[in-house]
């Protein structure tokens, strides 16, 4: 039955996150479905290795998303 549901539901898109230190410099990147646990993680539009150990540009950040239920969400017809 789970297989049938998977045919008609959207897969959550991978999101990109950057770990910032106290000075706002990028220390790590992560791509996952849910925000990482811990402080310092911010969601970004894309991962650029040139940002590593440098301040993250303000334009790189994603505006906060409203929380949605992880339950099955059917595709629009």
Protein backbone atom coordinates (compact mmCIF):
# COMPACT_ATOMS: atom_id res chain seq x y z
CA UNK A 1 0.00 0.00 0.00
CA UNK A 2 2.87 2.36 0.77
CA UNK A 3 4.10 1.90 -2.79
CA UNK A 4 0.76 3.08 -4.18
CA UNK A 5 0.81 6.19 -1.98
CA UNK A 6 4.34 6.96 -3.14
CA UNK A 7 3.12 7.09 -6.75
CA UNK A 8 0.63 9.87 -5.98
CA UNK A 9 2.51 12.01 -3.47
CA UNK A 10 5.26 14.52 -4.00
CA UNK A 11 8.71 13.75 -2.77
CA UNK A 12 10.04 16.49 -0.51
CA UNK A 13 12.73 18.47 -2.27
CA UNK A 14 16.22 18.54 -0.83
CA UNK A 15 17.04 21.83 0.85
CA UNK A 16 20.49 23.37 1.30
CA UNK A 17 21.80 24.65 4.63
CA UNK A 18 24.97 26.39 5.78
CA UNK A 19 26.48 26.24 9.27
CA UNK A 20 27.65 29.67 10.39
CA UNK A 21 30.07 30.41 13.22
CA UNK A 22 29.60 33.33 15.65
CA UNK A 23 31.27 35.71 13.16
CA UNK A 24 28.85 34.65 10.39
CA UNK A 25 31.45 32.68 8.42
CA UNK A 26 30.39 29.48 6.69
CA UNK A 27 31.83 26.36 8.33
CA UNK A 28 29.85 23.56 6.64
CA UNK A 29 27.13 22.76 4.14
CA UNK A 30 24.36 20.19 4.32
CA UNK A 31 21.65 19.10 1.90
CA UNK A 32 18.64 17.39 3.48
CA UNK A 33 14.84 17.30 3.64
CA UNK A 34 14.50 18.79 7.14
CA UNK A 35 16.51 21.55 8.83
CA UNK A 36 19.57 20.19 10.66
CA UNK A 37 19.45 19.96 14.45
CA UNK A 38 21.59 22.46 16.32
CA UNK A 39 22.31 26.14 16.31
CA UNK A 40 23.95 28.09 13.53
CA UNK A 41 22.26 26.40 10.56
CA UNK A 42 20.58 28.71 8.03
CA UNK A 43 18.78 27.75 4.84
CA UNK A 44 20.42 28.96 1.65
CA UNK A 45 19.44 29.10 -2.03
CA UNK A 46 22.44 27.09 -3.22
CA UNK A 47 25.74 25.68 -2.04
CA UNK A 48 28.85 27.52 -3.23
CA UNK A 49 32.20 26.21 -2.05
CA UNK A 50 33.69 29.70 -2.44
CA UNK A 51 31.67 30.73 0.65
CA UNK A 52 33.56 28.26 2.87
CA UNK A 53 35.33 30.10 5.72
CA UNK A 54 33.95 33.43 4.44
CA UNK A 55 30.92 35.48 5.52
CA UNK A 56 27.72 34.24 3.91
CA UNK A 57 26.21 36.86 1.55
CA UNK A 58 22.83 38.12 2.77
CA UNK A 59 21.33 37.34 -0.64
CA UNK A 60 22.16 33.64 -0.19
CA UNK A 61 19.65 33.12 2.62
CA UNK A 62 16.16 31.75 2.02
CA UNK A 63 13.25 33.48 3.72
CA UNK A 64 11.67 31.30 6.46
CA UNK A 65 9.14 28.74 5.22
CA UNK A 66 5.82 28.11 6.94
CA UNK A 67 5.74 24.73 8.67
CA UNK A 68 3.73 22.10 6.79
CA UNK A 69 2.51 18.73 7.86
CA UNK A 70 4.75 15.88 6.70
CA UNK A 71 1.62 13.84 5.99
CA UNK A 72 0.77 12.73 2.48
CA UNK A 73 0.06 15.64 0.17
CA UNK A 74 -1.70 14.63 -3.04
CA UNK A 75 -0.63 16.02 -6.38
CA UNK A 76 -2.75 18.76 -7.91
CA UNK A 77 -4.94 17.60 -10.75
